[in-house]
Amino acid sequence: MRPNYKKIYQDMLKDDHPEKLENPKIQKLLNGLKTTEEILNFNDLIFEQSKESIRNNQQLKTYDKKTILKLLQYQKKHDFSTSYMSRQYKISRTTIAKWRKLFEKELEDIKVK
């Protein structure tokens, strides 16, 4: 079962930043939280984080299959190296290589379609 991120963020904003809940742009983004990528981007927009907390929180991030495939397709489309993707998205090179190996068949199927 997937958490209800809309409700979680509404409760957090209501308690800490009620003025942000009145912003129509934030309301629109809040209603569209479907993928991990959207949730991470929304979180970055709402809450400013220090460089240290960003570095520490990176270890705890998880990515759904759809987001992983999207990142791997983007890498292949633009012919980016694993090192570049690692720096750009703050994901370890070994994780990206593991994803590529794990989702190799799905990437080929997407390419064929």
N, C-alpha and C. Protein backbone atom coordinates (compact mmCIF):
# COMPACT_ATOMS: atom_id res chain seq x y z
N MET A 1 0.84 -1.19 0.00
CA MET A 1 0.00 0.00 0.00
C MET A 1 0.88 1.25 0.00
N ARG A 2 0.56 2.15 -0.86
CA ARG A 2 1.33 3.38 -1.02
C ARG A 2 0.80 4.46 -0.08
N PRO A 3 1.70 5.21 0.55
CA PRO A 3 1.25 6.30 1.44
C PRO A 3 0.50 7.38 0.66
N ASN A 4 -0.40 8.06 1.32
CA ASN A 4 -1.13 9.17 0.72
C ASN A 4 -0.31 10.44 0.92
N TYR A 5 0.56 10.72 -0.05
CA TYR A 5 1.47 11.86 0.07
C TYR A 5 0.74 13.19 0.08
N LYS A 6 -0.35 13.27 -0.62
CA LYS A 6 -1.13 14.52 -0.62
C LYS A 6 -1.57 14.85 0.80
N LYS A 7 -2.11 13.89 1.50
CA LYS A 7 -2.58 14.10 2.88
C LYS A 7 -1.41 14.41 3.81
N ILE A 8 -0.30 13.70 3.63
CA ILE A 8 0.87 13.93 4.48
C ILE A 8 1.37 15.36 4.33
N TYR A 9 1.52 15.81 3.07
CA TYR A 9 2.02 17.17 2.84
C TYR A 9 1.01 18.22 3.28
N GLN A 10 -0.27 17.96 3.09
CA GLN A 10 -1.29 18.92 3.56
C GLN A 10 -1.20 19.10 5.07
N ASP A 11 -1.06 18.01 5.80
CA ASP A 11 -0.95 18.10 7.26
C ASP A 11 0.31 18.84 7.67
N MET A 12 1.43 18.53 7.02
CA MET A 12 2.69 19.20 7.36
C MET A 12 2.62 20.70 7.07
N LEU A 13 2.07 21.05 5.92
CA LEU A 13 1.98 22.46 5.56
C LEU A 13 0.99 23.20 6.44
N LYS A 14 -0.09 22.55 6.79
CA LYS A 14 -1.10 23.19 7.65
C LYS A 14 -0.49 23.53 9.00
N ASP A 15 0.36 22.65 9.52
CA ASP A 15 0.98 22.89 10.82
C ASP A 15 2.11 23.90 10.76
N ASP A 16 2.97 23.78 9.76
CA ASP A 16 4.21 24.58 9.73
C ASP A 16 4.17 25.80 8.81
N HIS A 17 3.50 25.68 7.66
CA HIS A 17 3.49 26.76 6.67
C HIS A 17 2.10 26.92 6.06
N PRO A 18 1.12 27.37 6.82
CA PRO A 18 -0.25 27.48 6.28
C PRO A 18 -0.35 28.45 5.09
N GLU A 19 0.54 29.43 5.01
CA GLU A 19 0.49 30.39 3.90
C GLU A 19 0.82 29.72 2.57
N LYS A 20 1.62 28.67 2.61
CA LYS A 20 1.98 27.97 1.37
C LYS A 20 0.81 27.18 0.81
N LEU A 21 -0.10 26.76 1.68
CA LEU A 21 -1.28 26.00 1.21
C LEU A 21 -2.22 26.86 0.38
N GLU A 22 -2.15 28.18 0.54
CA GLU A 22 -3.03 29.09 -0.21
C GLU A 22 -2.51 29.35 -1.63
N ASN A 23 -1.28 29.00 -1.91
CA ASN A 23 -0.68 29.22 -3.21
C ASN A 23 -1.28 28.23 -4.23
N PRO A 24 -1.91 28.75 -5.32
CA PRO A 24 -2.54 27.85 -6.30
C PRO A 24 -1.54 26.92 -6.99
N LYS A 25 -0.30 27.38 -7.20
CA LYS A 25 0.71 26.54 -7.84
C LYS A 25 1.02 25.33 -6.95
N ILE A 26 1.16 25.58 -5.65
CA ILE A 26 1.43 24.49 -4.73
C ILE A 26 0.24 23.54 -4.65
N GLN A 27 -0.97 24.08 -4.66
CA GLN A 27 -2.18 23.23 -4.65
C GLN A 27 -2.21 22.32 -5.87
N LYS A 28 -1.88 22.88 -7.03
CA LYS A 28 -1.89 22.10 -8.26
C LYS A 28 -0.85 20.98 -8.20
N LEU A 29 0.37 21.31 -7.75
CA LEU A 29 1.42 20.31 -7.62
C LEU A 29 1.06 19.24 -6.59
N LEU A 30 0.41 19.67 -5.51
CA LEU A 30 0.01 18.76 -4.45
C LEU A 30 -0.99 17.72 -4.95
N ASN A 31 -1.88 18.14 -5.85
CA ASN A 31 -2.87 17.22 -6.40
C ASN A 31 -2.27 16.24 -7.41
N GLY A 32 -1.07 16.52 -7.90
CA GLY A 32 -0.48 15.68 -8.94
C GLY A 32 0.67 14.81 -8.46
N LEU A 33 0.75 14.53 -7.18
CA LEU A 33 1.86 13.72 -6.65
C LEU A 33 1.60 12.24 -6.93
N LYS A 34 2.19 11.75 -8.03
CA LYS A 34 1.98 10.35 -8.41
C LYS A 34 3.28 9.54 -8.39
N THR A 35 4.35 10.09 -8.94
CA THR A 35 5.61 9.34 -9.03
C THR A 35 6.59 9.82 -7.96
N THR A 36 7.59 9.03 -7.74
CA THR A 36 8.64 9.37 -6.78
C THR A 36 9.32 10.67 -7.18
N GLU A 37 9.55 10.83 -8.47
CA GLU A 37 10.20 12.04 -8.97
C GLU A 37 9.38 13.28 -8.62
N GLU A 38 8.06 13.22 -8.81
CA GLU A 38 7.19 14.36 -8.48
C GLU A 38 7.22 14.66 -6.99
N ILE A 39 7.24 13.63 -6.17
CA ILE A 39 7.26 13.81 -4.72
C ILE A 39 8.57 14.46 -4.28
N LEU A 40 9.69 13.99 -4.82
CA LEU A 40 10.99 14.57 -4.46
C LEU A 40 11.09 16.03 -4.91
N ASN A 41 10.62 16.32 -6.12
CA ASN A 41 10.65 17.70 -6.61
C ASN A 41 9.75 18.61 -5.78
N PHE A 42 8.58 18.10 -5.40
CA PHE A 42 7.66 18.89 -4.57
C PHE A 42 8.29 19.17 -3.21
N ASN A 43 8.91 18.17 -2.63
CA ASN A 43 9.56 18.34 -1.33
C ASN A 43 10.66 19.39 -1.40
N ASP A 44 11.46 19.36 -2.47
CA ASP A 44 12.51 20.36 -2.64
C ASP A 44 11.95 21.76 -2.80
N LEU A 45 10.80 21.86 -3.47
CA LEU A 45 10.17 23.16 -3.67
C LEU A 45 9.64 23.74 -2.36
N ILE A 46 9.04 22.91 -1.55
CA ILE A 46 8.39 23.36 -0.32
C ILE A 46 9.38 23.65 0.80
N PHE A 47 10.31 22.74 1.00
CA PHE A 47 11.21 22.85 2.15
C PHE A 47 12.64 23.07 1.69
N GLU A 48 13.23 24.15 2.16
CA GLU A 48 14.63 24.41 1.86
C GLU A 48 15.48 23.55 2.78
N GLN A 49 16.51 22.94 2.22
CA GLN A 49 17.37 22.06 2.98
C GLN A 49 18.81 22.52 2.89
N SER A 50 19.54 22.26 3.95
CA SER A 50 20.95 22.59 3.94
C SER A 50 21.70 21.55 3.10
N LYS A 51 22.90 21.90 2.68
CA LYS A 51 23.70 20.96 1.88
C LYS A 51 23.99 19.69 2.66
N GLU A 52 24.21 19.84 3.95
CA GLU A 52 24.50 18.67 4.79
C GLU A 52 23.29 17.73 4.86
N SER A 53 22.11 18.28 5.05
CA SER A 53 20.92 17.42 5.13
C SER A 53 20.62 16.77 3.79
N ILE A 54 20.88 17.48 2.70
CA ILE A 54 20.69 16.88 1.37
C ILE A 54 21.62 15.69 1.20
N ARG A 55 22.87 15.85 1.59
CA ARG A 55 23.85 14.77 1.46
C ARG A 55 23.44 13.58 2.33
N ASN A 56 22.99 13.84 3.55
CA ASN A 56 22.60 12.76 4.46
C ASN A 56 21.31 12.08 4.00
N ASN A 57 20.36 12.84 3.49
CA ASN A 57 19.08 12.28 3.07
C ASN A 57 19.19 11.47 1.79
N GLN A 58 20.21 11.72 1.00
CA GLN A 58 20.37 11.00 -0.27
C GLN A 58 20.48 9.50 -0.04
N GLN A 59 21.05 9.11 1.06
CA GLN A 59 21.21 7.70 1.36
C GLN A 59 19.87 7.02 1.61
N LEU A 60 18.85 7.78 1.95
CA LEU A 60 17.56 7.20 2.32
C LEU A 60 16.53 7.24 1.19
N LYS A 61 16.89 7.80 0.05
CA LYS A 61 15.93 7.90 -1.05
C LYS A 61 15.69 6.55 -1.69
N THR A 62 14.45 6.35 -2.13
CA THR A 62 14.10 5.17 -2.89
C THR A 62 13.44 5.64 -4.18
N TYR A 63 13.55 4.83 -5.20
CA TYR A 63 13.01 5.18 -6.50
C TYR A 63 12.10 4.04 -6.97
N ASP A 64 10.96 4.41 -7.53
CA ASP A 64 10.08 3.38 -8.08
C ASP A 64 10.57 2.98 -9.47
N LYS A 65 10.06 1.88 -9.96
CA LYS A 65 10.51 1.31 -11.23
C LYS A 65 10.33 2.30 -12.38
N LYS A 66 9.22 3.01 -12.39
CA LYS A 66 8.94 3.96 -13.46
C LYS A 66 10.00 5.06 -13.51
N THR A 67 10.39 5.57 -12.35
CA THR A 67 11.39 6.63 -12.29
C THR A 67 12.77 6.10 -12.68
N ILE A 68 13.09 4.89 -12.24
CA ILE A 68 14.37 4.29 -12.61
C ILE A 68 14.46 4.13 -14.12
N LEU A 69 13.41 3.60 -14.74
CA LEU A 69 13.42 3.41 -16.19
C LEU A 69 13.52 4.75 -16.91
N LYS A 70 12.86 5.76 -16.38
CA LYS A 70 12.92 7.09 -16.98
C LYS A 70 14.36 7.64 -16.94
N LEU A 71 15.03 7.47 -15.81
CA LEU A 71 16.42 7.92 -15.69
C LEU A 71 17.33 7.15 -16.65
N LEU A 72 17.14 5.84 -16.73
CA LEU A 72 17.99 5.03 -17.61
C LEU A 72 17.74 5.36 -19.09
N GLN A 73 16.49 5.63 -19.45
CA GLN A 73 16.18 6.02 -20.83
C GLN A 73 16.82 7.36 -21.15
N TYR A 74 16.73 8.29 -20.22
CA TYR A 74 17.33 9.61 -20.39
C TYR A 74 18.84 9.48 -20.60
N GLN A 75 19.47 8.63 -19.80
CA GLN A 75 20.92 8.41 -19.93
C GLN A 75 21.25 7.86 -21.31
N LYS A 76 20.51 6.88 -21.74
CA LYS A 76 20.78 6.24 -23.03
C LYS A 76 20.50 7.20 -24.20
N LYS A 77 19.40 7.93 -24.10
CA LYS A 77 19.01 8.86 -25.17
C LYS A 77 20.08 9.92 -25.42
N HIS A 78 20.64 10.44 -24.34
CA HIS A 78 21.64 11.52 -24.45
C HIS A 78 23.07 11.01 -24.38
N ASP A 79 23.22 9.69 -24.29
CA ASP A 79 24.53 9.06 -24.26
C ASP A 79 25.41 9.61 -23.14
N PHE A 80 24.79 9.75 -21.93
CA PHE A 80 25.53 10.23 -20.77
C PHE A 80 26.23 9.07 -20.09
N SER A 81 27.37 9.35 -19.51
CA SER A 81 28.11 8.32 -18.78
C SER A 81 27.45 8.08 -17.43
N THR A 82 27.79 6.95 -16.85
CA THR A 82 27.29 6.64 -15.51
C THR A 82 27.82 7.64 -14.50
N SER A 83 29.05 8.09 -14.68
CA SER A 83 29.63 9.08 -13.77
C SER A 83 28.87 10.40 -13.83
N TYR A 84 28.50 10.82 -15.04
CA TYR A 84 27.74 12.06 -15.18
C TYR A 84 26.38 11.94 -14.49
N MET A 85 25.69 10.84 -14.74
CA MET A 85 24.37 10.62 -14.13
C MET A 85 24.48 10.56 -12.61
N SER A 86 25.55 9.96 -12.14
CA SER A 86 25.79 9.86 -10.71
C SER A 86 25.93 11.24 -10.07
N ARG A 87 26.71 12.08 -10.71
CA ARG A 87 26.90 13.45 -10.19
C ARG A 87 25.62 14.27 -10.32
N GLN A 88 24.96 14.16 -11.45
CA GLN A 88 23.78 14.97 -11.74
C GLN A 88 22.63 14.67 -10.78
N TYR A 89 22.39 13.38 -10.52
CA TYR A 89 21.24 12.98 -9.71
C TYR A 89 21.61 12.50 -8.32
N LYS A 90 22.90 12.60 -7.99
CA LYS A 90 23.40 12.22 -6.67
C LYS A 90 23.01 10.79 -6.31
N ILE A 91 23.25 9.90 -7.27
CA ILE A 91 23.02 8.46 -7.10
C ILE A 91 24.37 7.79 -7.36
N SER A 92 24.70 6.81 -6.56
CA SER A 92 26.02 6.18 -6.74
C SER A 92 26.12 5.48 -8.09
N ARG A 93 27.33 5.43 -8.62
CA ARG A 93 27.57 4.77 -9.91
C ARG A 93 27.20 3.29 -9.85
N THR A 94 27.48 2.66 -8.71
CA THR A 94 27.15 1.23 -8.59
C THR A 94 25.65 1.01 -8.61
N THR A 95 24.90 1.93 -8.05
CA THR A 95 23.43 1.80 -8.07
C THR A 95 22.92 1.92 -9.50
N ILE A 96 23.41 2.88 -10.24
CA ILE A 96 22.99 3.06 -11.63
C ILE A 96 23.36 1.84 -12.47
N ALA A 97 24.56 1.32 -12.26
CA ALA A 97 24.99 0.13 -12.99
C ALA A 97 24.11 -1.08 -12.63
N LYS A 98 23.78 -1.18 -11.36
CA LYS A 98 22.91 -2.27 -10.91
C LYS A 98 21.53 -2.15 -11.54
N TRP A 99 21.00 -0.94 -11.59
CA TRP A 99 19.69 -0.71 -12.23
C TRP A 99 19.73 -1.10 -13.69
N ARG A 100 20.81 -0.70 -14.38
CA ARG A 100 20.93 -1.02 -15.80
C ARG A 100 20.93 -2.53 -16.04
N LYS A 101 21.63 -3.24 -15.19
CA LYS A 101 21.68 -4.69 -15.31
C LYS A 101 20.32 -5.31 -14.96
N LEU A 102 19.69 -4.80 -13.91
CA LEU A 102 18.41 -5.33 -13.44
C LEU A 102 17.27 -5.08 -14.43
N PHE A 103 17.28 -3.92 -15.08
CA PHE A 103 16.18 -3.53 -15.98
C PHE A 103 16.58 -3.57 -17.45
N GLU A 104 17.61 -4.33 -17.76
CA GLU A 104 18.11 -4.42 -19.13
C GLU A 104 17.01 -4.87 -20.10
N LYS A 105 16.27 -5.89 -19.72
CA LYS A 105 15.21 -6.45 -20.58
C LYS A 105 14.09 -5.42 -20.80
N GLU A 106 13.67 -4.73 -19.76
CA GLU A 106 12.61 -3.73 -19.89
C GLU A 106 13.04 -2.57 -20.79
N LEU A 107 14.32 -2.18 -20.68
CA LEU A 107 14.83 -1.09 -21.53
C LEU A 107 14.82 -1.49 -23.00
N GLU A 108 15.17 -2.74 -23.28
CA GLU A 108 15.14 -3.23 -24.67
C GLU A 108 13.71 -3.29 -25.19
N ASP A 109 12.78 -3.73 -24.35
CA ASP A 109 11.37 -3.80 -24.75
C ASP A 109 10.81 -2.41 -25.05
N ILE A 110 11.19 -1.43 -24.25
CA ILE A 110 10.73 -0.06 -24.47
C ILE A 110 11.31 0.48 -25.78
N LYS A 111 12.55 0.15 -26.05
CA LYS A 111 13.24 0.63 -27.26
C LYS A 111 12.58 0.05 -28.51
N VAL A 112 12.15 -1.21 -28.44
CA VAL A 112 11.54 -1.89 -29.57
C VAL A 112 10.18 -1.27 -29.91
N LYS A 113 9.44 -0.87 -28.90
CA LYS A 113 8.07 -0.33 -29.11
C LYS A 113 8.05 0.99 -29.80
